[in-house]
N, C-alpha and C. Protein backbone atom coordinates (compact mmCIF):
# COMPACT_ATOMS: atom_id res chain seq x y z
N UNK A 1 6.79 -10.83 8.62
CA UNK A 1 6.68 -9.60 7.85
C UNK A 1 5.98 -9.90 6.52
N UNK A 2 5.12 -9.00 6.10
CA UNK A 2 4.48 -9.19 4.80
C UNK A 2 5.50 -8.97 3.68
N UNK A 3 5.20 -9.50 2.50
CA UNK A 3 6.10 -9.24 1.38
C UNK A 3 5.92 -7.79 0.94
N UNK A 4 6.80 -7.35 0.06
CA UNK A 4 6.80 -5.94 -0.36
C UNK A 4 5.47 -5.51 -0.97
N UNK A 5 4.91 -6.34 -1.85
CA UNK A 5 3.65 -5.98 -2.51
C UNK A 5 2.52 -5.86 -1.49
N UNK A 6 2.45 -6.79 -0.55
CA UNK A 6 1.39 -6.71 0.46
C UNK A 6 1.60 -5.54 1.40
N UNK A 7 2.85 -5.22 1.71
CA UNK A 7 3.12 -4.06 2.54
C UNK A 7 2.56 -2.80 1.89
N UNK A 8 2.77 -2.66 0.58
CA UNK A 8 2.25 -1.49 -0.12
C UNK A 8 0.73 -1.55 -0.26
N UNK A 9 0.19 -2.75 -0.48
CA UNK A 9 -1.27 -2.89 -0.55
C UNK A 9 -1.93 -2.47 0.76
N UNK A 10 -1.34 -2.87 1.88
CA UNK A 10 -1.90 -2.51 3.18
C UNK A 10 -1.83 -1.00 3.38
N UNK A 11 -0.71 -0.40 3.02
CA UNK A 11 -0.57 1.05 3.17
C UNK A 11 -1.57 1.80 2.29
N UNK A 12 -1.80 1.29 1.07
CA UNK A 12 -2.68 1.98 0.13
C UNK A 12 -4.15 1.63 0.34
N UNK A 13 -4.45 0.34 0.44
CA UNK A 13 -5.83 -0.11 0.42
C UNK A 13 -6.36 -0.59 1.76
N UNK A 14 -5.46 -0.76 2.73
CA UNK A 14 -5.89 -1.21 4.04
C UNK A 14 -6.06 -2.71 4.16
N UNK A 15 -5.57 -3.46 3.17
CA UNK A 15 -5.67 -4.92 3.22
C UNK A 15 -4.68 -5.55 2.26
N UNK A 16 -4.37 -6.81 2.54
CA UNK A 16 -3.49 -7.57 1.65
C UNK A 16 -4.29 -8.05 0.44
N UNK A 17 -3.59 -8.55 -0.56
CA UNK A 17 -4.25 -9.09 -1.75
C UNK A 17 -5.14 -10.28 -1.37
N UNK A 18 -4.66 -11.12 -0.46
CA UNK A 18 -5.46 -12.27 -0.03
C UNK A 18 -6.74 -11.83 0.66
N UNK A 19 -6.64 -10.84 1.53
CA UNK A 19 -7.83 -10.33 2.22
C UNK A 19 -8.84 -9.80 1.20
N UNK A 20 -8.35 -9.08 0.19
CA UNK A 20 -9.24 -8.53 -0.83
C UNK A 20 -9.95 -9.65 -1.60
N UNK A 21 -9.19 -10.69 -1.98
CA UNK A 21 -9.79 -11.82 -2.71
C UNK A 21 -10.85 -12.51 -1.87
N UNK A 22 -10.58 -12.66 -0.58
CA UNK A 22 -11.56 -13.30 0.31
C UNK A 22 -12.83 -12.46 0.46
N UNK A 23 -12.68 -11.14 0.44
CA UNK A 23 -13.83 -10.25 0.57
C UNK A 23 -14.57 -10.03 -0.74
N UNK A 24 -13.92 -10.36 -1.87
CA UNK A 24 -14.50 -10.11 -3.19
C UNK A 24 -14.39 -11.35 -4.07
N UNK A 25 -14.99 -12.47 -3.65
CA UNK A 25 -14.82 -13.71 -4.41
C UNK A 25 -15.42 -13.67 -5.81
N UNK A 26 -16.38 -12.80 -6.05
CA UNK A 26 -17.03 -12.73 -7.36
C UNK A 26 -16.32 -11.84 -8.36
N UNK A 27 -15.31 -11.11 -7.92
CA UNK A 27 -14.61 -10.20 -8.82
C UNK A 27 -13.39 -10.89 -9.42
N UNK A 28 -13.13 -10.61 -10.66
CA UNK A 28 -11.96 -11.16 -11.35
C UNK A 28 -10.78 -10.20 -11.16
N UNK A 29 -9.58 -10.71 -11.30
CA UNK A 29 -8.40 -9.87 -11.21
C UNK A 29 -7.93 -9.70 -9.78
N UNK A 30 -7.33 -8.54 -9.51
CA UNK A 30 -6.80 -8.29 -8.17
C UNK A 30 -7.17 -6.89 -7.70
N UNK A 31 -6.78 -6.58 -6.50
CA UNK A 31 -7.15 -5.31 -5.87
C UNK A 31 -6.73 -4.11 -6.71
N UNK A 32 -5.59 -4.20 -7.35
CA UNK A 32 -5.09 -3.06 -8.12
C UNK A 32 -5.89 -2.85 -9.41
N UNK A 33 -6.55 -3.89 -9.90
CA UNK A 33 -7.38 -3.75 -11.09
C UNK A 33 -8.59 -2.85 -10.83
N UNK A 34 -8.96 -2.68 -9.58
CA UNK A 34 -10.14 -1.91 -9.20
C UNK A 34 -9.77 -0.57 -8.55
N UNK A 35 -8.50 -0.23 -8.57
CA UNK A 35 -8.03 1.02 -7.98
C UNK A 35 -8.31 2.20 -8.91
N UNK A 36 -8.46 3.37 -8.30
CA UNK A 36 -8.63 4.60 -9.09
C UNK A 36 -7.29 5.00 -9.68
N UNK A 37 -7.33 5.90 -10.64
CA UNK A 37 -6.09 6.38 -11.26
C UNK A 37 -5.21 7.08 -10.21
N UNK A 38 -5.83 7.80 -9.29
CA UNK A 38 -5.05 8.46 -8.23
C UNK A 38 -4.37 7.45 -7.33
N UNK A 39 -5.08 6.37 -6.99
CA UNK A 39 -4.49 5.33 -6.16
C UNK A 39 -3.34 4.64 -6.89
N UNK A 40 -3.50 4.41 -8.18
CA UNK A 40 -2.44 3.77 -8.95
C UNK A 40 -1.20 4.66 -9.05
N UNK A 41 -1.40 5.95 -9.21
CA UNK A 41 -0.27 6.88 -9.26
C UNK A 41 0.45 6.90 -7.92
N UNK A 42 -0.31 6.98 -6.86
CA UNK A 42 0.28 6.98 -5.52
C UNK A 42 1.02 5.67 -5.26
N UNK A 43 0.41 4.57 -5.65
CA UNK A 43 1.03 3.26 -5.47
C UNK A 43 2.34 3.17 -6.26
N UNK A 44 2.33 3.68 -7.47
CA UNK A 44 3.55 3.69 -8.28
C UNK A 44 4.66 4.48 -7.59
N UNK A 45 4.29 5.63 -7.03
CA UNK A 45 5.28 6.45 -6.32
C UNK A 45 5.81 5.70 -5.09
N UNK A 46 4.93 5.01 -4.37
CA UNK A 46 5.38 4.25 -3.20
C UNK A 46 6.28 3.10 -3.63
N UNK A 47 5.98 2.45 -4.76
CA UNK A 47 6.84 1.36 -5.24
C UNK A 47 8.23 1.89 -5.59
N UNK A 48 8.27 3.08 -6.21
CA UNK A 48 9.57 3.67 -6.55
C UNK A 48 10.36 4.02 -5.29
N UNK A 49 9.69 4.60 -4.31
CA UNK A 49 10.36 4.91 -3.05
C UNK A 49 10.85 3.64 -2.37
N UNK A 50 10.04 2.61 -2.39
CA UNK A 50 10.42 1.34 -1.78
C UNK A 50 11.67 0.77 -2.44
N UNK A 51 11.74 0.87 -3.77
CA UNK A 51 12.93 0.37 -4.48
C UNK A 51 14.17 1.16 -4.06
N UNK A 52 14.04 2.46 -3.89
CA UNK A 52 15.17 3.28 -3.44
C UNK A 52 15.60 2.85 -2.05
N UNK A 53 14.62 2.64 -1.16
CA UNK A 53 14.94 2.22 0.20
C UNK A 53 15.66 0.87 0.21
N UNK A 54 15.21 -0.04 -0.63
CA UNK A 54 15.86 -1.36 -0.73
C UNK A 54 17.29 -1.20 -1.21
N UNK A 55 17.49 -0.37 -2.24
CA UNK A 55 18.84 -0.12 -2.76
C UNK A 55 19.75 0.49 -1.71
N UNK A 56 19.17 1.29 -0.83
CA UNK A 56 19.96 1.94 0.22
C UNK A 56 20.18 1.02 1.42
N UNK A 57 19.60 -0.19 1.36
CA UNK A 57 19.78 -1.14 2.45
C UNK A 57 18.92 -0.88 3.67
N UNK A 58 17.91 -0.05 3.51
CA UNK A 58 17.01 0.23 4.63
C UNK A 58 16.07 -0.96 4.78
N UNK A 59 16.02 -1.57 5.96
CA UNK A 59 15.17 -2.76 6.14
C UNK A 59 13.69 -2.38 6.11
N UNK A 60 12.89 -3.35 5.72
CA UNK A 60 11.44 -3.14 5.68
C UNK A 60 10.96 -2.83 7.09
N UNK A 61 10.22 -1.75 7.22
CA UNK A 61 9.71 -1.35 8.53
C UNK A 61 8.48 -2.15 8.91
N UNK A 62 8.19 -2.21 10.16
CA UNK A 62 7.00 -2.90 10.63
C UNK A 62 5.82 -1.97 10.79
N UNK A 63 5.92 -0.77 10.21
CA UNK A 63 4.87 0.22 10.43
C UNK A 63 3.84 0.27 9.32
N UNK A 64 3.92 -0.64 8.35
CA UNK A 64 2.95 -0.60 7.25
C UNK A 64 1.54 -0.79 7.75
N UNK A 65 1.36 -1.64 8.74
CA UNK A 65 0.00 -1.86 9.25
C UNK A 65 -0.51 -0.65 10.01
N UNK A 66 0.39 0.05 10.69
CA UNK A 66 -0.02 1.29 11.34
C UNK A 66 -0.32 2.35 10.28
N UNK A 67 0.40 2.32 9.17
CA UNK A 67 0.17 3.28 8.10
C UNK A 67 -1.22 3.12 7.51
N UNK A 68 -1.76 1.93 7.64
CA UNK A 68 -3.11 1.67 7.14
C UNK A 68 -4.09 2.65 7.77
N UNK A 69 -4.02 2.84 9.08
CA UNK A 69 -4.97 3.74 9.73
C UNK A 69 -4.73 5.18 9.30
N UNK A 70 -3.47 5.54 9.06
CA UNK A 70 -3.18 6.89 8.59
C UNK A 70 -3.80 7.14 7.22
N UNK A 71 -3.70 6.15 6.33
CA UNK A 71 -4.19 6.35 4.97
C UNK A 71 -5.70 6.39 4.91
N UNK A 72 -6.37 5.77 5.88
CA UNK A 72 -7.83 5.74 5.85
C UNK A 72 -8.45 6.83 6.71
N UNK A 73 -7.66 7.49 7.54
CA UNK A 73 -8.21 8.55 8.38
C UNK A 73 -8.23 9.89 7.65
N UNK A 74 -7.51 10.01 6.55
CA UNK A 74 -7.48 11.23 5.77
C UNK A 74 -8.03 10.95 4.39
N UNK A 75 -8.61 11.95 3.80
CA UNK A 75 -9.13 11.80 2.44
C UNK A 75 -8.06 12.20 1.43
N UNK A 76 -8.09 11.56 0.28
CA UNK A 76 -7.22 11.94 -0.82
C UNK A 76 -5.81 11.42 -0.69
N UNK A 77 -4.98 11.86 -1.61
CA UNK A 77 -3.62 11.36 -1.70
C UNK A 77 -2.71 11.86 -0.60
N UNK A 78 -3.05 12.97 0.04
CA UNK A 78 -2.18 13.48 1.11
C UNK A 78 -2.10 12.46 2.23
N UNK A 79 -3.23 11.90 2.63
CA UNK A 79 -3.23 10.87 3.67
C UNK A 79 -2.51 9.63 3.22
N UNK A 80 -2.64 9.28 1.95
CA UNK A 80 -1.98 8.08 1.43
C UNK A 80 -0.49 8.30 1.34
N UNK A 81 -0.05 9.48 0.99
CA UNK A 81 1.38 9.75 0.95
C UNK A 81 1.96 9.77 2.37
N UNK A 82 1.19 10.24 3.34
CA UNK A 82 1.65 10.17 4.73
C UNK A 82 1.83 8.73 5.14
N UNK A 83 0.92 7.88 4.67
CA UNK A 83 1.05 6.45 4.97
C UNK A 83 2.29 5.88 4.33
N UNK A 84 2.58 6.30 3.11
CA UNK A 84 3.77 5.81 2.43
C UNK A 84 5.03 6.23 3.20
N UNK A 85 5.05 7.45 3.69
CA UNK A 85 6.19 7.91 4.46
C UNK A 85 6.32 7.17 5.78
N UNK A 86 5.19 6.73 6.35
CA UNK A 86 5.22 6.03 7.63
C UNK A 86 5.74 4.62 7.51
N UNK A 87 5.81 4.09 6.29
CA UNK A 87 6.30 2.72 6.11
C UNK A 87 7.72 2.61 6.60
N UNK A 88 8.52 3.64 6.37
CA UNK A 88 9.94 3.58 6.76
C UNK A 88 10.29 4.60 7.79
């Protein structure tokens, strides 16, 4: 299972931090440094939901990678929020 941060990165950006670094060797920082304000807001909301799920004892789902296709098949935050919901 991916760690929590990579699970959210895959749901939001369609790749892990390592994959992004490998694809962007000339860029400094990390994938989130290059995210739009809308992506950062959505990511923040997903992080908050993830913390609630952890507090409730809900195990990490294996659907984050499937959520990747959901988030990229729709435009805007609606598709990304659907991906966030698909994580659990």
